[in-house]
Amino acid sequence: MSIFNFKKKKPEQKTDSVKPVGQLKDELKKTAAKTEPESNLKKPASAGVLAYKNLLYPLMTEKSTMLTGYGQYVFAVSLNATKTAIKKAIQEIYNVKPIKIRIIRHQGKKVRTGKNTSGYLKAWKKALVVVPKDAKIDVYEN
């Protein structure tokens, strides 16, 4: 009567043969030796996901292009971005360590779409990044 025995487990037979300790150590050394050269390889220089979430795009205005001559670059950043997050993002993407970062938050402007209907444009944040004199960021190419 198999109906009453469906919850009872049958004893399983072990088919694995027991290996001596010396063979196990040799196998572990071989697998470790295979994985080490892969970890020593350099990963391609790619920016993290958070870097692209914090830095949205470089701002191209007359004033910002003038500031590039002084080693200052202007970027639009997300509203949640902090100075340390922006610094890490600049280091990841452009491989330049910023000296100073200033953040300016712009309020959304009030706009009208009709006689009595009005709304607001999106609020945004910009960051002014100062880099060392010998370092440059190619904002126009990237």
N, C-alpha and C. Protein backbone atom coordinates (compact mmCIF):
# COMPACT_ATOMS: atom_id res chain seq x y z
N MET A 1 0.83 -1.17 0.00
CA MET A 1 0.00 0.00 0.00
C MET A 1 0.88 1.25 0.00
N SER A 2 1.11 1.78 -1.15
CA SER A 2 1.99 2.93 -1.29
C SER A 2 1.34 4.22 -0.83
N ILE A 3 0.06 4.23 -0.63
CA ILE A 3 -0.61 5.45 -0.18
C ILE A 3 -0.15 5.83 1.21
N PHE A 4 0.04 4.88 2.08
CA PHE A 4 0.41 5.16 3.45
C PHE A 4 1.91 5.38 3.63
N ASN A 5 2.70 5.07 2.66
CA ASN A 5 4.15 5.19 2.78
C ASN A 5 4.72 6.40 2.02
N PHE A 6 3.89 7.32 1.58
CA PHE A 6 4.41 8.40 0.74
C PHE A 6 5.24 9.41 1.54
N LYS A 7 5.05 9.53 2.84
CA LYS A 7 5.84 10.46 3.64
C LYS A 7 7.13 9.85 4.15
N LYS A 8 7.21 8.57 4.14
CA LYS A 8 8.40 7.91 4.64
C LYS A 8 9.48 7.92 3.56
N LYS A 9 10.66 8.36 3.94
CA LYS A 9 11.76 8.42 2.99
C LYS A 9 12.51 7.11 2.99
N LYS A 10 12.91 6.72 1.82
CA LYS A 10 13.69 5.50 1.69
C LYS A 10 15.16 5.84 1.94
N PRO A 11 15.89 4.95 2.55
CA PRO A 11 17.31 5.24 2.80
C PRO A 11 18.07 5.37 1.48
N GLU A 12 18.83 6.47 1.37
CA GLU A 12 19.59 6.72 0.14
C GLU A 12 20.95 6.03 0.23
N GLN A 13 21.39 5.54 -0.88
CA GLN A 13 22.68 4.88 -0.92
C GLN A 13 23.74 5.90 -1.32
N LYS A 14 24.84 5.89 -0.62
CA LYS A 14 25.92 6.81 -0.94
C LYS A 14 26.77 6.20 -2.04
N THR A 15 26.85 6.94 -3.16
CA THR A 15 27.64 6.44 -4.29
C THR A 15 29.01 7.10 -4.35
N ASP A 16 29.22 8.17 -3.57
CA ASP A 16 30.51 8.86 -3.58
C ASP A 16 31.55 8.03 -2.86
N SER A 17 32.66 7.88 -3.48
CA SER A 17 33.75 7.15 -2.84
C SER A 17 34.55 8.13 -1.99
N VAL A 18 35.04 7.68 -0.89
CA VAL A 18 35.79 8.52 0.03
C VAL A 18 37.21 8.66 -0.49
N LYS A 19 37.65 9.94 -0.64
CA LYS A 19 38.99 10.21 -1.15
C LYS A 19 39.92 10.48 0.02
N PRO A 20 41.17 10.11 -0.11
CA PRO A 20 42.13 10.42 0.95
C PRO A 20 42.34 11.93 1.07
N VAL A 21 42.77 12.37 2.23
CA VAL A 21 42.96 13.79 2.51
C VAL A 21 44.01 14.39 1.59
N GLY A 22 45.02 13.67 1.24
CA GLY A 22 46.09 14.17 0.37
C GLY A 22 45.56 14.53 -1.01
N GLN A 23 44.65 13.73 -1.55
CA GLN A 23 44.09 14.02 -2.87
C GLN A 23 43.21 15.26 -2.81
N LEU A 24 42.45 15.43 -1.72
CA LEU A 24 41.60 16.61 -1.59
C LEU A 24 42.43 17.89 -1.54
N LYS A 25 43.54 17.86 -0.82
CA LYS A 25 44.40 19.04 -0.73
C LYS A 25 45.00 19.38 -2.09
N ASP A 26 45.40 18.36 -2.85
CA ASP A 26 45.95 18.59 -4.18
C ASP A 26 44.91 19.22 -5.11
N GLU A 27 43.67 18.74 -5.03
CA GLU A 27 42.61 19.29 -5.88
C GLU A 27 42.31 20.73 -5.51
N LEU A 28 42.32 21.05 -4.21
CA LEU A 28 42.09 22.43 -3.78
C LEU A 28 43.20 23.35 -4.27
N LYS A 29 44.44 22.88 -4.23
CA LYS A 29 45.55 23.69 -4.71
C LYS A 29 45.44 23.95 -6.21
N LYS A 30 45.01 22.94 -6.95
CA LYS A 30 44.87 23.10 -8.40
C LYS A 30 43.77 24.10 -8.74
N THR A 31 42.65 24.02 -8.05
CA THR A 31 41.55 24.95 -8.34
C THR A 31 41.93 26.36 -7.91
N ALA A 32 42.66 26.51 -6.81
CA ALA A 32 43.10 27.83 -6.37
C ALA A 32 44.10 28.41 -7.35
N ALA A 33 44.98 27.57 -7.89
CA ALA A 33 45.97 28.04 -8.86
C ALA A 33 45.30 28.48 -10.16
N LYS A 34 44.21 27.83 -10.52
CA LYS A 34 43.50 28.20 -11.74
C LYS A 34 42.80 29.54 -11.59
N THR A 35 42.27 29.84 -10.42
CA THR A 35 41.51 31.07 -10.23
C THR A 35 42.39 32.28 -9.97
N GLU A 36 43.60 32.12 -9.49
CA GLU A 36 44.46 33.26 -9.18
C GLU A 36 44.82 34.11 -10.40
N PRO A 37 45.22 33.55 -11.54
CA PRO A 37 45.55 34.40 -12.68
C PRO A 37 44.36 35.21 -13.17
N GLU A 38 43.16 34.69 -13.05
CA GLU A 38 41.99 35.44 -13.48
C GLU A 38 41.76 36.65 -12.60
N SER A 39 42.00 36.52 -11.28
CA SER A 39 41.79 37.64 -10.38
C SER A 39 42.88 38.69 -10.53
N ASN A 40 44.06 38.31 -11.01
CA ASN A 40 45.14 39.27 -11.20
C ASN A 40 44.94 40.14 -12.44
N LEU A 41 44.07 39.73 -13.35
CA LEU A 41 43.83 40.51 -14.54
C LEU A 41 43.14 41.82 -14.18
N LYS A 42 43.53 42.88 -14.86
CA LYS A 42 42.91 44.17 -14.60
C LYS A 42 41.53 44.20 -15.23
N LYS A 43 40.60 44.76 -14.50
CA LYS A 43 39.26 44.93 -15.03
C LYS A 43 39.26 46.17 -15.93
N PRO A 44 38.42 46.19 -16.94
CA PRO A 44 38.37 47.38 -17.78
C PRO A 44 37.87 48.58 -16.98
N ALA A 45 38.39 49.74 -17.32
CA ALA A 45 38.02 50.95 -16.59
C ALA A 45 36.59 51.31 -16.94
N SER A 46 35.68 50.90 -16.10
CA SER A 46 34.28 51.23 -16.31
C SER A 46 33.75 51.86 -15.04
N ALA A 47 32.90 52.83 -15.21
CA ALA A 47 32.37 53.54 -14.05
C ALA A 47 31.24 52.74 -13.43
N GLY A 48 31.10 52.91 -12.14
CA GLY A 48 30.04 52.23 -11.44
C GLY A 48 28.68 52.79 -11.78
N VAL A 49 27.67 52.09 -11.36
CA VAL A 49 26.30 52.51 -11.63
C VAL A 49 26.00 53.80 -10.89
N LEU A 50 26.50 53.93 -9.69
CA LEU A 50 26.21 55.12 -8.91
C LEU A 50 26.86 56.36 -9.50
N ALA A 51 27.96 56.20 -10.18
CA ALA A 51 28.62 57.36 -10.78
C ALA A 51 27.73 57.98 -11.84
N TYR A 52 27.08 57.15 -12.63
CA TYR A 52 26.22 57.68 -13.68
C TYR A 52 24.89 58.17 -13.13
N LYS A 53 24.51 57.71 -11.95
CA LYS A 53 23.29 58.24 -11.33
C LYS A 53 23.54 59.61 -10.72
N ASN A 54 24.74 59.84 -10.23
CA ASN A 54 25.04 61.13 -9.60
C ASN A 54 25.39 62.20 -10.62
N LEU A 55 26.27 61.90 -11.56
CA LEU A 55 26.63 62.86 -12.61
C LEU A 55 25.71 62.66 -13.80
N LEU A 56 24.86 63.63 -14.09
CA LEU A 56 23.93 63.48 -15.19
C LEU A 56 24.58 63.84 -16.52
N TYR A 57 25.08 65.07 -16.63
CA TYR A 57 25.72 65.52 -17.88
C TYR A 57 26.51 66.79 -17.59
N PRO A 58 27.53 67.09 -18.39
CA PRO A 58 28.26 68.36 -18.22
C PRO A 58 27.45 69.51 -18.82
N LEU A 59 27.48 70.64 -18.14
CA LEU A 59 26.76 71.82 -18.63
C LEU A 59 27.65 72.59 -19.61
N MET A 60 27.12 72.87 -20.78
CA MET A 60 27.86 73.60 -21.81
C MET A 60 27.24 74.98 -21.99
N THR A 61 27.76 75.95 -21.27
CA THR A 61 27.31 77.33 -21.42
C THR A 61 28.54 78.20 -21.67
N GLU A 62 28.32 79.47 -21.94
CA GLU A 62 29.45 80.37 -22.17
C GLU A 62 30.31 80.48 -20.92
N LYS A 63 29.64 80.59 -19.79
CA LYS A 63 30.38 80.74 -18.53
C LYS A 63 31.15 79.46 -18.19
N SER A 64 30.53 78.30 -18.41
CA SER A 64 31.22 77.05 -18.06
C SER A 64 32.40 76.78 -18.99
N THR A 65 32.29 77.15 -20.26
CA THR A 65 33.44 76.97 -21.16
C THR A 65 34.57 77.94 -20.81
N MET A 66 34.21 79.12 -20.30
CA MET A 66 35.23 80.06 -19.86
C MET A 66 35.94 79.52 -18.61
N LEU A 67 35.18 78.87 -17.72
CA LEU A 67 35.76 78.35 -16.48
C LEU A 67 36.68 77.16 -16.71
N THR A 68 36.55 76.47 -17.85
CA THR A 68 37.43 75.33 -18.12
C THR A 68 38.89 75.77 -18.25
N GLY A 69 39.10 77.02 -18.65
CA GLY A 69 40.46 77.55 -18.73
C GLY A 69 41.11 77.68 -17.36
N TYR A 70 40.28 77.80 -16.32
CA TYR A 70 40.78 77.91 -14.95
C TYR A 70 40.77 76.57 -14.21
N GLY A 71 40.45 75.50 -14.92
CA GLY A 71 40.42 74.18 -14.30
C GLY A 71 39.16 73.90 -13.51
N GLN A 72 38.06 74.59 -13.89
CA GLN A 72 36.78 74.39 -13.21
C GLN A 72 35.77 73.88 -14.23
N TYR A 73 35.04 72.84 -13.86
CA TYR A 73 34.08 72.21 -14.77
C TYR A 73 32.72 72.17 -14.09
N VAL A 74 31.66 72.34 -14.89
CA VAL A 74 30.31 72.40 -14.35
C VAL A 74 29.52 71.20 -14.84
N PHE A 75 28.84 70.52 -13.91
CA PHE A 75 28.05 69.34 -14.22
C PHE A 75 26.66 69.49 -13.63
N ALA A 76 25.67 68.94 -14.32
CA ALA A 76 24.34 68.79 -13.73
C ALA A 76 24.35 67.48 -12.97
N VAL A 77 23.92 67.51 -11.73
CA VAL A 77 23.94 66.32 -10.88
C VAL A 77 22.54 66.05 -10.36
N SER A 78 22.35 64.85 -9.82
CA SER A 78 21.03 64.50 -9.29
C SER A 78 20.78 65.27 -7.99
N LEU A 79 19.51 65.37 -7.62
CA LEU A 79 19.16 66.13 -6.43
C LEU A 79 19.66 65.46 -5.15
N ASN A 80 19.86 64.16 -5.18
CA ASN A 80 20.31 63.43 -4.00
C ASN A 80 21.83 63.37 -3.88
N ALA A 81 22.55 63.88 -4.85
CA ALA A 81 24.01 63.76 -4.87
C ALA A 81 24.65 64.66 -3.82
N THR A 82 25.65 64.12 -3.13
CA THR A 82 26.42 64.89 -2.16
C THR A 82 27.80 65.19 -2.74
N LYS A 83 28.56 66.00 -2.02
CA LYS A 83 29.90 66.36 -2.52
C LYS A 83 30.81 65.14 -2.60
N THR A 84 30.73 64.27 -1.61
CA THR A 84 31.58 63.08 -1.63
C THR A 84 31.18 62.13 -2.74
N ALA A 85 29.88 62.01 -3.00
CA ALA A 85 29.42 61.13 -4.08
C ALA A 85 29.85 61.68 -5.44
N ILE A 86 29.81 63.00 -5.60
CA ILE A 86 30.23 63.63 -6.85
C ILE A 86 31.74 63.46 -7.03
N LYS A 87 32.50 63.58 -5.96
CA LYS A 87 33.95 63.41 -6.03
C LYS A 87 34.31 62.00 -6.47
N LYS A 88 33.63 60.99 -5.91
CA LYS A 88 33.88 59.60 -6.29
C LYS A 88 33.49 59.36 -7.75
N ALA A 89 32.39 59.97 -8.18
CA ALA A 89 31.93 59.79 -9.56
C ALA A 89 32.93 60.39 -10.55
N ILE A 90 33.47 61.57 -10.24
CA ILE A 90 34.47 62.21 -11.11
C ILE A 90 35.72 61.33 -11.18
N GLN A 91 36.13 60.77 -10.05
CA GLN A 91 37.31 59.90 -10.03
C GLN A 91 37.08 58.64 -10.85
N GLU A 92 35.88 58.06 -10.79
CA GLU A 92 35.60 56.84 -11.53
C GLU A 92 35.51 57.09 -13.03
N ILE A 93 34.82 58.14 -13.42
CA ILE A 93 34.56 58.37 -14.84
C ILE A 93 35.76 59.00 -15.54
N TYR A 94 36.31 60.07 -14.96
CA TYR A 94 37.35 60.84 -15.64
C TYR A 94 38.76 60.58 -15.12
N ASN A 95 38.92 59.78 -14.09
CA ASN A 95 40.23 59.46 -13.50
C ASN A 95 40.99 60.71 -13.06
N VAL A 96 40.27 61.67 -12.49
CA VAL A 96 40.85 62.91 -11.99
C VAL A 96 40.34 63.12 -10.57
N LYS A 97 41.24 63.46 -9.66
CA LYS A 97 40.82 63.70 -8.27
C LYS A 97 40.54 65.19 -8.09
N PRO A 98 39.28 65.58 -7.85
CA PRO A 98 38.95 66.99 -7.69
C PRO A 98 39.52 67.59 -6.40
N ILE A 99 39.85 68.89 -6.48
CA ILE A 99 40.34 69.60 -5.30
C ILE A 99 39.16 70.10 -4.48
N LYS A 100 38.19 70.70 -5.16
CA LYS A 100 37.08 71.34 -4.47
C LYS A 100 35.81 71.15 -5.28
N ILE A 101 34.68 71.04 -4.58
CA ILE A 101 33.39 70.90 -5.25
C ILE A 101 32.41 71.86 -4.59
N ARG A 102 31.72 72.62 -5.42
CA ARG A 102 30.67 73.52 -4.93
C ARG A 102 29.35 73.07 -5.55
N ILE A 103 28.29 73.11 -4.77
CA ILE A 103 26.98 72.65 -5.24
C ILE A 103 25.98 73.80 -5.17
N ILE A 104 25.20 73.94 -6.24
CA ILE A 104 24.16 74.96 -6.31
C ILE A 104 22.85 74.27 -6.64
N ARG A 105 21.82 74.54 -5.86
CA ARG A 105 20.50 73.94 -6.09
C ARG A 105 19.59 74.99 -6.71
N HIS A 106 19.00 74.65 -7.85
CA HIS A 106 18.09 75.56 -8.54
C HIS A 106 16.65 75.12 -8.29
N GLN A 107 15.82 76.07 -7.92
CA GLN A 107 14.41 75.79 -7.70
C GLN A 107 13.70 75.73 -9.05
N GLY A 108 12.67 74.93 -9.16
CA GLY A 108 11.91 74.85 -10.41
C GLY A 108 11.13 76.14 -10.64
N LYS A 109 11.19 76.66 -11.86
CA LYS A 109 10.50 77.90 -12.17
C LYS A 109 9.01 77.67 -12.34
N LYS A 110 8.23 78.69 -12.04
CA LYS A 110 6.78 78.61 -12.23
C LYS A 110 6.46 78.93 -13.69
N VAL A 111 5.66 78.10 -14.31
CA VAL A 111 5.28 78.30 -15.71
C VAL A 111 3.77 78.24 -15.83
N ARG A 112 3.27 78.91 -16.88
CA ARG A 112 1.83 78.89 -17.15
C ARG A 112 1.60 78.24 -18.49
N THR A 113 0.59 77.39 -18.55
CA THR A 113 0.26 76.72 -19.81
C THR A 113 -1.05 77.22 -20.39
N GLY A 114 -1.72 78.07 -19.70
CA GLY A 114 -2.98 78.62 -20.19
C GLY A 114 -3.33 79.83 -19.35
N LYS A 115 -4.61 80.19 -19.39
CA LYS A 115 -5.02 81.38 -18.65
C LYS A 115 -4.96 81.16 -17.14
N ASN A 116 -5.48 80.03 -16.70
CA ASN A 116 -5.54 79.78 -15.26
C ASN A 116 -4.75 78.55 -14.81
N THR A 117 -4.11 77.87 -15.72
CA THR A 117 -3.37 76.67 -15.34
C THR A 117 -1.88 77.00 -15.24
N SER A 118 -1.29 76.57 -14.16
CA SER A 118 0.14 76.82 -13.97
C SER A 118 0.78 75.60 -13.34
N GLY A 119 2.09 75.56 -13.41
CA GLY A 119 2.84 74.45 -12.84
C GLY A 119 4.26 74.89 -12.58
N TYR A 120 5.12 73.92 -12.32
CA TYR A 120 6.51 74.22 -12.03
C TYR A 120 7.42 73.35 -12.90
N LEU A 121 8.54 73.93 -13.31
CA LEU A 121 9.57 73.14 -13.97
C LEU A 121 10.31 72.32 -12.91
N LYS A 122 11.05 71.34 -13.37
CA LYS A 122 11.75 70.44 -12.47
C LYS A 122 12.90 71.17 -11.77
N ALA A 123 13.04 70.94 -10.46
CA ALA A 123 14.19 71.47 -9.72
C ALA A 123 15.42 70.65 -10.11
N TRP A 124 16.59 71.29 -10.09
CA TRP A 124 17.81 70.59 -10.46
C TRP A 124 18.99 71.14 -9.67
N LYS A 125 20.10 70.44 -9.77
CA LYS A 125 21.29 70.78 -9.00
C LYS A 125 22.49 70.78 -9.93
N LYS A 126 23.39 71.73 -9.73
CA LYS A 126 24.62 71.72 -10.52
C LYS A 126 25.82 71.76 -9.58
N ALA A 127 26.91 71.20 -10.06
CA ALA A 127 28.13 71.13 -9.26
C ALA A 127 29.27 71.76 -10.05
N LEU A 128 30.03 72.60 -9.37
CA LEU A 128 31.22 73.21 -9.95
C LEU A 128 32.42 72.46 -9.37
N VAL A 129 33.15 71.78 -10.24
CA VAL A 129 34.24 70.90 -9.82
C VAL A 129 35.56 71.55 -10.19
N VAL A 130 36.44 71.71 -9.19
CA VAL A 130 37.77 72.29 -9.40
C VAL A 130 38.78 71.14 -9.41
N VAL A 131 39.57 71.07 -10.49
CA VAL A 131 40.58 70.01 -10.62
C VAL A 131 41.97 70.65 -10.55
N PRO A 132 43.02 69.86 -10.32
CA PRO A 132 44.38 70.41 -10.30
C PRO A 132 44.77 71.03 -11.64
N LYS A 133 45.80 71.88 -11.62
CA LYS A 133 46.21 72.60 -12.82
C LYS A 133 46.69 71.67 -13.92
N ASP A 134 47.37 70.59 -13.56
CA ASP A 134 47.90 69.69 -14.58
C ASP A 134 46.85 68.72 -15.12
N ALA A 135 45.71 68.59 -14.47
CA ALA A 135 44.67 67.65 -14.91
C ALA A 135 43.63 68.36 -15.77
N LYS A 136 43.12 67.64 -16.76
CA LYS A 136 42.07 68.18 -17.62
C LYS A 136 41.01 67.12 -17.84
N ILE A 137 39.78 67.57 -18.04
CA ILE A 137 38.66 66.67 -18.33
C ILE A 137 38.17 67.00 -19.73
N ASP A 138 38.07 65.98 -20.58
CA ASP A 138 37.52 66.18 -21.92
C ASP A 138 36.01 66.06 -21.85
N VAL A 139 35.35 67.19 -21.64
CA VAL A 139 33.90 67.16 -21.50
C VAL A 139 33.23 67.07 -22.87
N TYR A 140 33.87 67.59 -23.88
CA TYR A 140 33.26 67.62 -25.20
C TYR A 140 33.29 66.25 -25.87
N GLU A 141 34.29 65.44 -25.55
CA GLU A 141 34.39 64.11 -26.16
C GLU A 141 33.52 63.10 -25.45
N ASN A 142 33.47 63.16 -24.11
CA ASN A 142 32.72 62.18 -23.35
C ASN A 142 31.27 62.58 -23.32
